Each structure stands twice: as C-alpha cells, then as structure tokens.
Amino acid sequence: MIDQIETGARVNQEAKRGWVLVSVPLFYTILLMAAPLTAIFVFSFWSQDFLTLDTTMTLKNYREAFSEPLYAELLSRSIGIAGAVTLVTVVLAFPVAYFVSFHVAPERKSLWLFLITIPFWTSYLLRIFLWKVILGFNGVLNTSLQGIGFIEEPLTFILYNANAVVITLAHAFAPFAILPIFVALEKIDRSLLEAARDLGENAVMTFVRVTLPLAMPGVVAATLIVFIPTVGDYVTPRLVGGPNGLMIANMIQTQFLRLNNAPMGAALAVIAMTTVTVMALLLLAATRKWMRGGGR
C-alpha cells in the first residue's frame, strides 16, 4: 500500500514537472497561433464599409462567399493546384528519398541530406524570380529548346498560368517532401525485406507489400506538409501565375489590403482553412483504413 502511494506521488511529481516544461511553449503556441486564428474567426462575423468596422454579428460575409461564383472558382482552383503540386512533389521526392536511404552509404547520407537542403539557402522570392527567368518567353528554357531546334517558337503555356505555379511550388517544397519520406524509410527494418525475398517475393512485390506500407507515415506527412501551405500560398501565384493562376489566398490578400474589407477576407480564410482541414482528415482516415487492410 505504501509502495503504491509512493509510486502515485512520483507519477504526480513527474506530471507536474512535465506541465512546467511544456507551459512556456504551450503559451507561446497559444499566443502566436490560437489567438490570431480566433481573431480571424471573430472578424469573419463582422462587417466593414471601407474604414467603418461594424462589430454586429452577422452571416453576411459567409452568404456572399458561398453565393459568389468567383470565390468558389478560386477555392477549387487552389485545391486543384495544391493537389497537383502535392502529387508531383511527393512522386518525385519518393525516389530521391528511397535512393538516399537504401543505396547511399551510411557515412554519406548526411552529405546527401545537406545537398537536398541547399535550396533553403536562397530567399524564397529569389527562387520564384529565377523560375520566371527560366520559364519566360525569352527565358532559359525557351532559348535552349530553340537553340537545339526542338521548337520553332517560344512556349507560352509554361509561364503566367497554373502550370508555372505548379512547377515553381513543386521545386520550392521538394525538400519538405523528401525529408519525412526519408525518415520513414530509415525506420524500416531491413530484415523484413530480406524475409519477403526469402518467401519468394520479387523486388517489385516486396516494395509494394512491405516497403510502401511501412513508408506511408512519411508519405502522408509529406503530403500534408506540402498540400496545406500550398493552398494558402499567394506570393507564387501573384508573380508567376498570371490571371489564370491566381488562388484563394490572393483574393484574401486583396480583401484585407486593397478593398479594406477584413471581415470578408477573414470569412474566406475560415472557409479555406475548414476545407483544407476536412480534406486532411479524410486523407488521414483513408490512409488509416488502408493500413488496417494490410496495404491492399
């Protein structure tokens, strides 16, 4: 009985110590994340007439957001572009992560990871402007293709449209996809792969039935890491997207900074965040169901 009391006291002391340790970062998180999100949510129920802010609670902004076709088009375009960026990024990142994990010597893996993070050394804006130079009408890509005689006239579908946004964002978020997939692949017990081969599975089926299911946590993490911020990106669409590449975040920026209609911008932000949250939860649920089914 005394031992149980002492054990309970130690558990309580450890719990209190844990709360003390997390209290500062928890407060920091609430201050910098929860408070702004709450403010945006409250703002979305207000109304504004240029400089006059009316704090009377109303659903006017949401009614306008759901009735205006332009907002629905921008949101659907944002989801489509973010989905394309995520698909391209994850599909291209997996082979890189797989190669580094399975085919690079252990003493050289840190060097490869170091090289993968090199794009972070330059400014995000600088990388976007470099892609404008590469994809431009008289840019590096068109000039090179014309120089080798592959095309006669410059390509016009690779800049100032959704294609340019996908290309630029896929490059920008590539390291974010490679690293979590690499971590998941590193955690795979290599003896499981040997056991699968010993049981008669070929290399392809071993990958499909053993490697891929075990790497799915990294793939899901990479998908969410790329998809969520891509939906809310407004710098890249503004610089390389053109009229047909603008996304919902550009409209939110316009409502806040140009039209002086912060409540409408807040409502659009809440709708966008809710949509992304629902899609992320559906992805997690589908992945969990797939994993419970043995990856079939």
Protein backbone atom coordinates (compact mmCIF):
# COMPACT_ATOMS: atom_id res chain seq x y z
CA MET A 1 0.00 0.00 0.00
CA ILE A 2 2.82 2.36 0.92
CA ASP A 3 4.64 1.48 -2.32
CA GLN A 4 1.51 2.33 -4.32
CA ILE A 5 1.22 5.69 -2.57
CA GLU A 6 4.88 6.47 -3.25
CA THR A 7 4.51 5.41 -6.87
CA GLY A 8 1.44 7.63 -7.25
CA ALA A 9 3.29 10.56 -5.70
CA ARG A 10 6.21 10.11 -8.11
CA VAL A 11 3.82 9.96 -11.06
CA ASN A 12 2.14 13.18 -9.90
CA GLN A 13 5.51 14.89 -9.49
CA GLU A 14 6.58 13.81 -12.99
CA ALA A 15 3.27 15.02 -14.40
CA LYS A 16 3.68 18.39 -12.72
CA ARG A 17 7.26 18.64 -13.96
CA GLY A 18 6.05 17.82 -17.46
CA TRP A 19 3.41 20.55 -17.34
CA VAL A 20 6.02 23.03 -16.16
CA LEU A 21 8.30 22.11 -19.06
CA VAL A 22 5.57 22.46 -21.70
CA SER A 23 3.91 25.53 -20.18
CA VAL A 24 6.19 28.04 -21.90
CA PRO A 25 5.98 26.56 -25.44
CA LEU A 26 2.25 25.95 -24.90
CA PHE A 27 1.70 29.60 -24.01
CA TYR A 28 3.87 30.63 -26.96
CA THR A 29 1.80 28.45 -29.29
CA ILE A 30 -1.49 29.82 -27.97
CA LEU A 31 -0.24 33.40 -28.22
CA LEU A 32 1.07 33.16 -31.77
CA MET A 33 -1.34 30.62 -33.30
CA ALA A 34 -4.58 30.17 -31.40
CA ALA A 35 -5.09 33.87 -30.67
CA PRO A 36 -4.70 35.02 -34.33
CA LEU A 37 -6.95 32.20 -35.55
CA THR A 38 -9.59 33.15 -33.00
CA ALA A 39 -9.35 36.78 -34.08
CA ILE A 40 -9.80 35.79 -37.74
CA PHE A 41 -12.83 33.67 -36.83
CA VAL A 42 -14.44 36.53 -34.87
CA PHE A 43 -13.64 39.04 -37.63
CA SER A 44 -15.45 36.86 -40.17
CA PHE A 45 -18.78 37.59 -38.43
CA TRP A 46 -18.33 41.35 -38.54
CA SER A 47 -18.82 43.73 -41.47
CA GLN A 48 -16.86 46.67 -42.80
CA ASP A 49 -17.67 49.59 -45.06
CA PHE A 50 -14.24 50.88 -46.11
CA LEU A 51 -12.98 52.42 -42.83
CA THR A 52 -16.09 51.77 -40.74
CA LEU A 53 -15.99 48.46 -38.87
CA ASP A 54 -19.33 47.15 -37.60
CA THR A 55 -18.91 44.56 -34.83
CA THR A 56 -22.52 43.39 -35.02
CA MET A 57 -22.52 39.62 -35.53
CA THR A 58 -23.76 38.68 -38.99
CA LEU A 59 -23.54 35.88 -41.55
CA LYS A 60 -23.42 38.33 -44.45
CA ASN A 61 -19.83 37.50 -45.37
CA TYR A 62 -20.46 33.76 -45.49
CA ARG A 63 -23.62 34.20 -47.55
CA GLU A 64 -21.67 36.31 -50.04
CA ALA A 65 -18.76 33.88 -50.05
CA PHE A 66 -20.99 30.91 -50.88
CA SER A 67 -23.13 32.81 -53.42
CA GLU A 68 -20.32 34.50 -55.38
CA PRO A 69 -19.07 32.13 -58.14
CA LEU A 70 -15.65 33.82 -58.23
CA TYR A 71 -14.81 32.70 -54.70
CA ALA A 72 -15.83 29.11 -55.40
CA GLU A 73 -13.76 29.13 -58.59
CA LEU A 74 -10.69 30.45 -56.78
CA LEU A 75 -11.05 27.91 -53.97
CA SER A 76 -11.48 24.99 -56.38
CA ARG A 77 -8.52 26.23 -58.41
CA SER A 78 -6.44 26.50 -55.25
CA ILE A 79 -7.29 22.93 -54.25
CA GLY A 80 -6.57 21.69 -57.77
CA ILE A 81 -3.21 23.45 -57.96
CA ALA A 82 -2.27 22.34 -54.44
CA GLY A 83 -3.26 18.77 -55.30
CA ALA A 84 -1.16 18.84 -58.48
CA VAL A 85 1.81 20.31 -56.61
CA THR A 86 1.49 17.68 -53.89
CA LEU A 87 1.22 14.82 -56.37
CA VAL A 88 4.22 15.98 -58.43
CA THR A 89 6.32 16.76 -55.37
CA VAL A 90 5.66 13.51 -53.49
CA VAL A 91 6.00 11.31 -56.58
CA LEU A 92 9.35 12.89 -57.44
CA ALA A 93 10.51 13.03 -53.81
CA PHE A 94 9.96 9.34 -53.06
CA PRO A 95 12.63 8.01 -55.48
CA VAL A 96 15.14 10.53 -54.12
CA ALA A 97 14.41 9.58 -50.51
CA TYR A 98 14.45 5.87 -51.43
CA PHE A 99 17.82 6.19 -53.17
CA VAL A 100 19.40 8.05 -50.26
CA SER A 101 18.00 5.59 -47.71
CA PHE A 102 18.71 2.30 -49.49
CA HIS A 103 21.56 2.95 -51.92
CA VAL A 104 23.76 5.58 -50.28
CA ALA A 105 26.44 4.51 -47.83
CA PRO A 106 25.60 5.45 -44.21
CA GLU A 107 28.59 7.74 -43.91
CA ARG A 108 27.44 9.71 -47.00
CA LYS A 109 23.76 10.12 -46.15
CA SER A 110 24.32 13.29 -44.14
CA LEU A 111 26.08 14.81 -47.15
CA TRP A 112 23.13 13.98 -49.41
CA LEU A 113 20.66 15.47 -46.94
CA PHE A 114 22.85 18.54 -46.76
CA LEU A 115 22.73 18.88 -50.55
CA ILE A 116 18.94 18.41 -50.56
CA THR A 117 18.53 21.39 -48.23
CA ILE A 118 20.69 23.71 -50.35
CA PRO A 119 17.62 25.43 -51.92
CA PHE A 120 16.81 26.78 -48.45
CA TRP A 121 20.00 28.81 -48.60
CA THR A 122 18.43 31.26 -51.01
CA SER A 123 15.43 33.50 -50.49
CA TYR A 124 12.02 32.13 -51.45
CA LEU A 125 11.36 35.23 -53.55
CA LEU A 126 14.70 34.84 -55.30
CA ARG A 127 13.82 31.27 -56.29
CA ILE A 128 10.49 32.46 -57.72
CA PHE A 129 12.21 35.17 -59.77
CA LEU A 130 14.71 32.61 -61.02
CA TRP A 131 11.85 30.43 -62.24
CA LYS A 132 10.44 33.47 -64.05
CA VAL A 133 13.79 33.79 -65.81
CA ILE A 134 13.80 30.09 -66.68
CA LEU A 135 10.18 29.87 -67.88
CA GLY A 136 9.90 33.29 -69.52
CA PHE A 137 9.05 33.89 -73.18
CA ASN A 138 12.71 34.59 -73.86
CA GLY A 139 13.89 32.63 -70.85
CA VAL A 140 16.48 29.93 -70.43
CA LEU A 141 14.15 27.05 -71.29
CA ASN A 142 12.69 28.53 -74.48
CA THR A 143 16.07 29.81 -75.65
CA SER A 144 17.66 26.39 -75.11
CA LEU A 145 14.88 24.50 -76.87
CA GLN A 146 15.01 26.91 -79.81
CA GLY A 147 18.79 26.66 -79.92
CA ILE A 148 18.74 22.88 -80.36
CA GLY A 149 15.90 23.12 -82.89
CA PHE A 150 13.36 21.33 -80.71
CA ILE A 151 10.80 24.15 -81.07
CA GLU A 152 10.42 26.97 -83.59
CA GLU A 153 8.53 29.45 -81.40
CA PRO A 154 8.76 30.06 -77.65
CA LEU A 155 6.38 28.07 -75.47
CA THR A 156 3.65 30.23 -73.96
CA PHE A 157 1.94 27.71 -71.66
CA ILE A 158 4.73 27.49 -69.08
CA LEU A 159 4.51 30.97 -67.56
CA TYR A 160 1.75 33.17 -66.14
CA ASN A 161 -0.68 30.30 -65.68
CA ALA A 162 -1.36 27.39 -63.32
CA ASN A 163 1.44 25.33 -64.89
CA ALA A 164 4.06 27.83 -63.78
CA VAL A 165 2.62 27.85 -60.25
CA VAL A 166 2.80 24.04 -60.06
CA ILE A 167 6.38 23.93 -61.34
CA THR A 168 7.59 26.66 -59.00
CA LEU A 169 5.86 25.34 -55.89
CA ALA A 170 6.92 21.74 -56.59
CA HIS A 171 10.53 22.88 -56.61
CA ALA A 172 10.09 25.04 -53.51
CA PHE A 173 8.52 22.28 -51.42
CA ALA A 174 10.62 19.35 -52.65
CA PRO A 175 12.87 19.20 -49.54
CA PHE A 176 9.77 19.24 -47.29
CA ALA A 177 8.59 16.07 -49.02
CA ILE A 178 11.94 14.29 -49.27
CA LEU A 179 12.92 14.54 -45.60
CA PRO A 180 9.83 12.95 -43.93
CA ILE A 181 9.78 10.15 -46.51
CA PHE A 182 13.49 9.55 -45.89
CA VAL A 183 12.92 9.36 -42.13
CA ALA A 184 10.12 6.80 -42.62
CA LEU A 185 12.28 4.70 -44.94
CA GLU A 186 15.18 4.78 -42.48
CA LYS A 187 12.95 3.27 -39.78
CA ILE A 188 12.15 0.18 -41.88
CA ASP A 189 13.77 -2.97 -40.54
CA ARG A 190 15.83 -4.31 -43.43
CA SER A 191 15.35 -7.86 -42.17
CA LEU A 192 11.68 -7.60 -43.16
CA LEU A 193 12.71 -7.02 -46.75
CA GLU A 194 15.06 -9.98 -46.63
CA ALA A 195 12.27 -12.12 -45.19
CA ALA A 196 9.95 -11.11 -48.01
CA ARG A 197 12.56 -12.06 -50.60
CA ASP A 198 13.20 -15.38 -48.83
CA LEU A 199 9.46 -16.13 -49.02
CA GLY A 200 9.53 -15.76 -52.79
CA GLU A 201 8.52 -12.14 -53.37
CA ASN A 202 10.28 -10.33 -56.18
CA ALA A 203 11.68 -6.82 -55.81
CA VAL A 204 8.51 -5.12 -57.08
CA MET A 205 6.12 -7.01 -54.81
CA THR A 206 8.45 -6.56 -51.85
CA PHE A 207 8.30 -2.83 -52.42
CA VAL A 208 4.50 -2.81 -52.84
CA ARG A 209 3.65 -5.10 -49.93
CA VAL A 210 6.40 -4.24 -47.43
CA THR A 211 8.33 -1.04 -48.18
CA LEU A 212 5.47 1.19 -49.31
CA PRO A 213 3.06 0.37 -46.43
CA LEU A 214 5.82 0.92 -43.86
CA ALA A 215 6.79 4.20 -45.56
CA MET A 216 3.20 5.50 -45.67
CA PRO A 217 3.51 7.60 -42.48
CA GLY A 218 6.28 9.56 -44.19
CA VAL A 219 4.29 9.83 -47.41
CA VAL A 220 1.23 11.11 -45.55
CA ALA A 221 3.36 13.58 -43.60
CA ALA A 222 4.95 14.81 -46.83
CA THR A 223 1.52 15.14 -48.45
CA LEU A 224 0.16 17.26 -45.61
CA ILE A 225 3.32 19.34 -45.30
CA VAL A 226 3.14 20.22 -49.00
CA PHE A 227 -0.62 20.45 -49.52
CA ILE A 228 -1.62 22.62 -46.55
CA PRO A 229 0.75 25.59 -47.09
CA THR A 230 0.38 25.38 -50.88
CA VAL A 231 -3.35 26.10 -50.70
CA GLY A 232 -2.60 29.31 -48.81
CA ASP A 233 0.32 30.49 -50.95
CA TYR A 234 -0.21 33.87 -52.59
CA VAL A 235 3.29 35.06 -53.49
CA THR A 236 3.98 32.47 -56.19
CA PRO A 237 0.58 32.81 -57.95
CA ARG A 238 0.97 36.59 -57.93
CA LEU A 239 4.44 36.52 -59.51
CA VAL A 240 4.22 33.61 -61.98
CA GLY A 241 0.55 32.66 -62.11
CA GLY A 242 -0.99 35.42 -64.15
CA PRO A 243 -4.81 35.86 -64.22
CA ASN A 244 -5.41 32.12 -64.66
CA GLY A 245 -3.06 31.13 -61.86
CA LEU A 246 -4.40 33.24 -59.01
CA MET A 247 -5.62 31.37 -55.92
CA ILE A 248 -7.92 31.97 -52.98
CA ALA A 249 -5.09 33.45 -50.90
CA ASN A 250 -4.69 36.22 -53.47
CA MET A 251 -8.34 37.16 -53.01
CA ILE A 252 -7.91 37.11 -49.23
CA GLN A 253 -4.92 39.42 -49.56
CA THR A 254 -6.93 41.72 -51.82
CA GLN A 255 -9.83 41.86 -49.36
CA PHE A 256 -7.52 42.74 -46.46
CA LEU A 257 -5.06 45.13 -48.10
CA ARG A 258 -6.78 46.66 -51.15
CA LEU A 259 -10.54 46.58 -50.60
CA ASN A 260 -10.35 47.33 -46.85
CA ASN A 261 -12.81 44.53 -46.18
CA ALA A 262 -11.09 42.50 -43.49
CA PRO A 263 -14.25 40.62 -42.40
CA MET A 264 -14.80 39.30 -45.93
CA GLY A 265 -11.16 38.26 -46.14
CA ALA A 266 -11.46 36.58 -42.75
CA ALA A 267 -14.55 34.66 -43.89
CA LEU A 268 -12.74 33.42 -46.99
CA ALA A 269 -9.79 32.42 -44.81
CA VAL A 270 -12.05 30.46 -42.45
CA ILE A 271 -13.69 28.68 -45.38
CA ALA A 272 -10.32 27.82 -46.90
CA MET A 273 -8.93 26.56 -43.58
CA THR A 274 -12.04 24.49 -42.94
CA THR A 275 -11.88 22.94 -46.40
CA VAL A 276 -8.21 22.05 -46.00
CA THR A 277 -8.82 20.61 -42.53
CA VAL A 278 -11.65 18.38 -43.77
CA MET A 279 -9.55 17.15 -46.70
CA ALA A 280 -6.59 16.45 -44.41
CA LEU A 281 -8.79 14.47 -42.00
CA LEU A 282 -10.27 12.48 -44.89
CA LEU A 283 -6.76 11.68 -46.12
CA LEU A 284 -5.71 10.51 -42.65
CA ALA A 285 -8.84 8.39 -42.31
CA ALA A 286 -8.36 6.82 -45.74
CA THR A 287 -4.71 6.10 -45.00
CA ARG A 288 -5.56 4.54 -41.63
CA LYS A 289 -8.20 2.34 -43.26
CA TRP A 290 -5.75 1.32 -45.98
CA MET A 291 -3.10 0.46 -43.39
CA ARG A 292 -5.55 -1.63 -41.37
CA GLY A 293 -6.37 -3.52 -44.54
CA GLY A 294 -2.74 -4.52 -44.87
CA GLY A 295 -1.97 -2.06 -47.66
CA ARG A 296 -4.45 -3.66 -50.04
